C-alpha atoms as a PDB file:
ATOM      1  CA  MET A   1      11.433  -3.780  -6.786  1.00  0.00           C
ATOM      2  CA  ASP A   2       9.612  -4.824  -3.626  1.00  0.00           C
ATOM      3  CA  ALA A   3       7.050  -2.400  -2.256  1.00  0.00           C
ATOM      4  CA  VAL A   4       3.844  -2.333  -0.282  1.00  0.00           C
ATOM      5  CA  GLU A   5       0.880  -1.163  -2.384  1.00  0.00           C
ATOM      6  CA  THR A   6      -2.336   0.401  -1.146  1.00  0.00           C
ATOM      7  CA  TYR A   7      -5.067  -0.011  -3.750  1.00  0.00           C
ATOM      8  CA  ARG A   8      -8.860  -0.005  -4.159  1.00  0.00           C
ATOM      9  CA  ARG A   9     -10.918  -3.045  -5.154  1.00  0.00           C
ATOM     10  CA  ARG A  10     -14.592  -3.894  -4.626  1.00  0.00           C
ATOM     11  CA  ASN A  11     -15.345  -0.692  -2.695  1.00  0.00           C
ATOM     12  CA  MET A  12     -12.593  -1.312  -0.139  1.00  0.00           C
ATOM     13  CA  TRP A  13      -8.960  -0.303   0.263  1.00  0.00           C
ATOM     14  CA  HIS A  14      -6.310  -3.020   0.545  1.00  0.00           C
ATOM     15  CA  ASN A  15      -2.602  -3.404   1.220  1.00  0.00           C
ATOM     16  CA  ARG A  16      -0.437  -6.056  -0.429  1.00  0.00           C
ATOM     17  CA  MET A  17       3.139  -6.738  -1.376  1.00  0.00           C
ATOM     18  CA  ARG A  18       3.641  -5.652  -4.994  1.00  0.00           C
ATOM     19  CA  GLY A  19       3.008  -8.560  -7.332  1.00  0.00           C
ATOM     20  CA  GLU A  20       1.258 -10.690  -4.694  1.00  0.00           C
ATOM     21  CA  ALA A  21      -2.405 -11.717  -4.797  1.00  0.00           C
ATOM     22  CA  THR A  22      -2.849 -12.038  -1.036  1.00  0.00           C
ATOM     23  CA  ASP A  23      -3.748  -8.886   0.894  1.00  0.00           C
ATOM     24  CA  LEU A  24      -1.908  -7.876   4.051  1.00  0.00           C
ATOM     25  CA  SER A  25      -4.988  -5.951   5.228  1.00  0.00           C
ATOM     26  CA  SER A  26      -8.341  -4.574   4.052  1.00  0.00           C
ATOM     27  CA  HIS A  27     -10.075  -1.352   5.110  1.00  0.00           C
ATOM     28  CA  VAL A  28     -13.274   0.580   4.497  1.00  0.00           C
ATOM     29  CA  VAL A  29     -11.555   3.902   5.198  1.00  0.00           C
ATOM     30  CA  ARG A  30      -8.850   4.991   2.723  1.00  0.00           C
ATOM     31  CA  SER A  31      -6.781   6.936   5.267  1.00  0.00           C
ATOM     32  CA  GLN A  32      -6.608   3.896   7.564  1.00  0.00           C
ATOM     33  CA  ALA A  33      -5.418   1.717   4.690  1.00  0.00           C
ATOM     34  CA  ILE A  34      -2.725   4.241   3.766  1.00  0.00           C
ATOM     35  CA  ALA A  35      -1.521   4.557   7.367  1.00  0.00           C
ATOM     36  CA  GLU A  36      -1.308   0.800   7.798  1.00  0.00           C
ATOM     37  CA  GLY A  37       0.333   0.332   4.391  1.00  0.00           C
ATOM     38  CA  ARG A  38       2.952   2.899   5.314  1.00  0.00           C
ATOM     39  CA  LEU A  39       3.596   1.045   8.582  1.00  0.00           C
ATOM     40  CA  TRP A  40       3.894  -2.321   6.769  1.00  0.00           C
ATOM     41  CA  ALA A  41       6.389  -0.741   4.354  1.00  0.00           C
ATOM     42  CA  ARG A  42       8.441   1.003   7.042  1.00  0.00           C
ATOM     43  CA  THR A  43       8.792  -2.147   9.183  1.00  0.00           C
ATOM     44  CA  ARG A  44       9.966  -4.091   6.117  1.00  0.00           C
ATOM     45  CA  GLY A  45      12.309  -1.366   4.856  1.00  0.00           C
ATOM     46  CA  LEU A  46      10.328  -0.978   1.612  1.00  0.00           C
ATOM     47  CA  GLU A  47       8.727   1.862  -0.308  1.00  0.00           C
ATOM     48  CA  HIS A  48       4.973   2.440  -0.045  1.00  0.00           C
ATOM     49  CA  VAL A  49       2.973   3.021  -3.227  1.00  0.00           C
ATOM     50  CA  VAL A  50      -0.590   4.372  -3.131  1.00  0.00           C
ATOM     51  CA  LEU A  51      -2.625   3.597  -6.236  1.00  0.00           C
ATOM     52  CA  ALA A  52      -5.624   5.737  -7.210  1.00  0.00           C
ATOM     53  CA  SER A  53      -8.976   4.095  -7.856  1.00  0.00           C
ATOM     54  CA  ASP A  54      -8.104   3.864 -11.574  1.00  0.00           C
ATOM     55  CA  GLY A  55      -4.838   2.012 -10.825  1.00  0.00           C
ATOM     56  CA  SER A  56      -2.500   4.917 -11.561  1.00  0.00           C
ATOM     57  CA  VAL A  57       0.263   5.770  -9.076  1.00  0.00           C
ATOM     58  CA  GLU A  58      -0.935   8.523  -6.764  1.00  0.00           C
ATOM     59  CA  SER A  59       2.042   8.730  -4.397  1.00  0.00           C
ATOM     60  CA  VAL A  60       5.245   6.958  -3.429  1.00  0.00           C
ATOM     61  CA  THR A  61       6.861   7.087  -0.004  1.00  0.00           C
ATOM     62  CA  PRO A  62      10.510   6.023  -0.359  1.00  0.00           C
ATOM     63  CA  ALA A  63      11.953   3.177   1.702  1.00  0.00           C
ATOM     64  CA  PRO A  64      13.507   4.336   4.959  1.00  0.00           C
ATOM     65  CA  THR A  65      17.257   4.807   4.919  1.00  0.00           C
ATOM     66  CA  SER A  66      19.390   3.293   7.628  1.00  0.00           C
END
Protein backbone atom coordinates (compact mmCIF):
# COMPACT_ATOMS: atom_id res chain seq x y z
CA MET A 1 0.00 0.00 0.00
CA ASP A 2 1.31 3.45 -0.88
CA ALA A 3 1.69 5.90 1.97
CA VAL A 4 3.76 8.87 3.03
CA GLU A 5 5.96 8.09 6.05
CA THR A 6 7.38 10.54 8.56
CA TYR A 7 10.39 9.03 10.31
CA ARG A 8 13.51 9.97 12.29
CA ARG A 9 17.07 9.41 11.08
CA ARG A 10 20.36 11.08 12.03
CA ASN A 11 18.73 13.52 14.48
CA MET A 12 16.29 14.86 11.88
CA TRP A 13 12.74 14.08 10.82
CA HIS A 14 12.07 13.10 7.20
CA ASN A 15 9.16 12.39 4.87
CA ARG A 16 9.29 9.79 2.11
CA MET A 17 7.03 7.58 0.07
CA ARG A 18 6.85 4.17 1.76
CA GLY A 19 9.51 1.87 0.35
CA GLU A 20 11.49 4.68 -1.30
CA ALA A 21 15.01 5.74 -0.32
CA THR A 22 14.68 9.36 -1.46
CA ASP A 23 13.20 11.84 1.02
CA LEU A 24 10.45 14.25 0.04
CA SER A 25 11.57 16.65 2.79
CA SER A 26 13.75 16.89 5.91
CA HIS A 27 13.10 18.85 9.10
CA VAL A 28 14.72 19.63 12.43
CA VAL A 29 11.34 20.07 14.12
CA ARG A 30 9.14 16.96 14.41
CA SER A 31 5.82 18.83 14.26
CA GLN A 32 6.85 20.55 11.01
CA ALA A 33 7.77 17.20 9.47
CA ILE A 34 4.43 15.70 10.49
CA ALA A 35 2.46 18.66 9.12
CA GLU A 36 4.28 18.55 5.80
CA GLY A 37 4.02 14.75 5.60
CA ARG A 38 0.28 15.00 6.16
CA LEU A 39 0.05 17.59 3.37
CA TRP A 40 2.10 15.41 0.98
CA ALA A 41 -0.22 12.48 1.76
CA ARG A 42 -3.44 14.46 1.41
CA THR A 43 -2.46 15.96 -1.97
CA ARG A 44 -1.62 12.47 -3.26
CA GLY A 45 -4.71 10.80 -1.80
CA LEU A 46 -2.60 8.52 0.42
CA GLU A 47 -2.46 7.63 4.10
CA HIS A 48 0.15 9.26 6.34
CA VAL A 49 2.16 7.07 8.71
CA VAL A 50 4.23 8.56 11.54
CA LEU A 51 7.00 6.29 12.80
CA ALA A 52 8.43 6.69 16.31
CA SER A 53 12.17 7.06 16.79
CA ASP A 54 12.45 3.27 17.24
CA GLY A 55 10.70 2.61 13.90
CA SER A 56 7.39 1.45 15.36
CA VAL A 57 4.14 2.90 13.99
CA GLU A 58 3.03 5.79 16.17
CA SER A 59 0.00 6.98 14.20
CA VAL A 60 -1.80 6.55 10.90
CA THR A 61 -3.95 9.18 9.22
CA PRO A 62 -6.19 7.45 6.66
CA ALA A 63 -6.23 8.53 3.02
CA PRO A 64 -8.87 11.15 2.27
CA THR A 65 -12.11 9.86 0.83
CA SER A 66 -13.60 11.45 -2.24
